[in-house]
Amino acid sequence: MPRTLKFTGEAKNMTVEELESFVKAARAAGAPDGSHITAVVSTSGKVKEIEVELPG
């Protein structure tokens, strides 16, 4: 099973600061350039959850 890194918005939808934290954590965990991310969005189009598959 692949390792993944998943973040969710603390107040239901993600903020810019939460997105920045996700990117920093993904880089620190070894996510390579070009990694595809998966997002769960609300019916209004706001990001609720974001995930990236990690190598290894």
C-alpha atoms as a PDB file:
ATOM      1  CA  MET A   1       0.000   0.000   0.000  1.00  0.00           C
ATOM      2  CA  PRO A   2       1.498   3.368  -0.988  1.00  0.00           C
ATOM      3  CA  ARG A   3       2.330   5.926   1.662  1.00  0.00           C
ATOM      4  CA  THR A   4       0.300   9.106   1.468  1.00  0.00           C
ATOM      5  CA  LEU A   5       0.246  12.469   3.159  1.00  0.00           C
ATOM      6  CA  LYS A   6      -3.226  13.878   3.790  1.00  0.00           C
ATOM      7  CA  PHE A   7      -4.300  17.263   5.184  1.00  0.00           C
ATOM      8  CA  THR A   8      -7.785  18.533   5.925  1.00  0.00           C
ATOM      9  CA  GLY A   9      -9.067  22.002   6.666  1.00  0.00           C
ATOM     10  CA  GLU A  10      -9.398  22.568  10.398  1.00  0.00           C
ATOM     11  CA  ALA A  11     -12.568  24.624   9.873  1.00  0.00           C
ATOM     12  CA  LYS A  12     -14.020  22.325   7.162  1.00  0.00           C
ATOM     13  CA  ASN A  13     -12.391  24.153   4.216  1.00  0.00           C
ATOM     14  CA  MET A  14      -8.653  24.703   3.784  1.00  0.00           C
ATOM     15  CA  THR A  15      -7.024  28.098   4.099  1.00  0.00           C
ATOM     16  CA  VAL A  16      -3.971  29.397   2.236  1.00  0.00           C
ATOM     17  CA  GLU A  17      -1.894  28.810   5.371  1.00  0.00           C
ATOM     18  CA  GLU A  18      -3.075  25.193   5.580  1.00  0.00           C
ATOM     19  CA  LEU A  19      -2.265  24.656   1.914  1.00  0.00           C
ATOM     20  CA  GLU A  20       1.217  26.107   2.449  1.00  0.00           C
ATOM     21  CA  SER A  21       1.732  23.767   5.424  1.00  0.00           C
ATOM     22  CA  PHE A  22       0.711  20.818   3.247  1.00  0.00           C
ATOM     23  CA  VAL A  23       3.218  21.727   0.521  1.00  0.00           C
ATOM     24  CA  LYS A  24       6.029  22.171   3.061  1.00  0.00           C
ATOM     25  CA  ALA A  25       5.202  18.833   4.709  1.00  0.00           C
ATOM     26  CA  ALA A  26       5.004  17.071   1.337  1.00  0.00           C
ATOM     27  CA  ARG A  27       8.428  18.425   0.337  1.00  0.00           C
ATOM     28  CA  ALA A  28       9.902  17.431   3.698  1.00  0.00           C
ATOM     29  CA  ALA A  29       8.443  13.917   3.310  1.00  0.00           C
ATOM     30  CA  GLY A  30      10.143  13.526  -0.091  1.00  0.00           C
ATOM     31  CA  ALA A  31       7.330  14.175  -2.559  1.00  0.00           C
ATOM     32  CA  PRO A  32       9.157  14.751  -5.877  1.00  0.00           C
ATOM     33  CA  ASP A  33       8.507  17.563  -8.337  1.00  0.00           C
ATOM     34  CA  GLY A  34       5.656  16.619 -10.633  1.00  0.00           C
ATOM     35  CA  SER A  35       3.774  14.675  -7.951  1.00  0.00           C
ATOM     36  CA  HIS A  36       0.051  14.696  -8.589  1.00  0.00           C
ATOM     37  CA  ILE A  37      -2.261  15.673  -5.758  1.00  0.00           C
ATOM     38  CA  THR A  38      -5.806  14.556  -5.080  1.00  0.00           C
ATOM     39  CA  ALA A  39      -8.339  16.934  -3.564  1.00  0.00           C
ATOM     40  CA  VAL A  40     -11.816  16.598  -2.123  1.00  0.00           C
ATOM     41  CA  VAL A  41     -13.829  19.748  -2.742  1.00  0.00           C
ATOM     42  CA  SER A  42     -17.142  20.989  -1.396  1.00  0.00           C
ATOM     43  CA  THR A  43     -20.153  21.617  -3.615  1.00  0.00           C
ATOM     44  CA  SER A  44     -19.113  25.286  -3.625  1.00  0.00           C
ATOM     45  CA  GLY A  45     -15.639  24.350  -4.931  1.00  0.00           C
ATOM     46  CA  LYS A  46     -13.684  24.934  -1.702  1.00  0.00           C
ATOM     47  CA  VAL A  47     -10.885  22.508  -0.859  1.00  0.00           C
ATOM     48  CA  LYS A  48     -11.785  20.263   2.081  1.00  0.00           C
ATOM     49  CA  GLU A  49      -8.988  17.681   1.901  1.00  0.00           C
ATOM     50  CA  ILE A  50      -5.765  17.263  -0.071  1.00  0.00           C
ATOM     51  CA  GLU A  51      -3.505  14.228  -0.468  1.00  0.00           C
ATOM     52  CA  VAL A  52      -0.252  13.259  -2.191  1.00  0.00           C
ATOM     53  CA  GLU A  53       1.343   9.848  -2.659  1.00  0.00           C
ATOM     54  CA  LEU A  54       4.880   9.622  -1.280  1.00  0.00           C
ATOM     55  CA  PRO A  55       7.738   7.582  -2.728  1.00  0.00           C
ATOM     56  CA  GLY A  56       8.943   4.405  -1.095  1.00  0.00           C
END
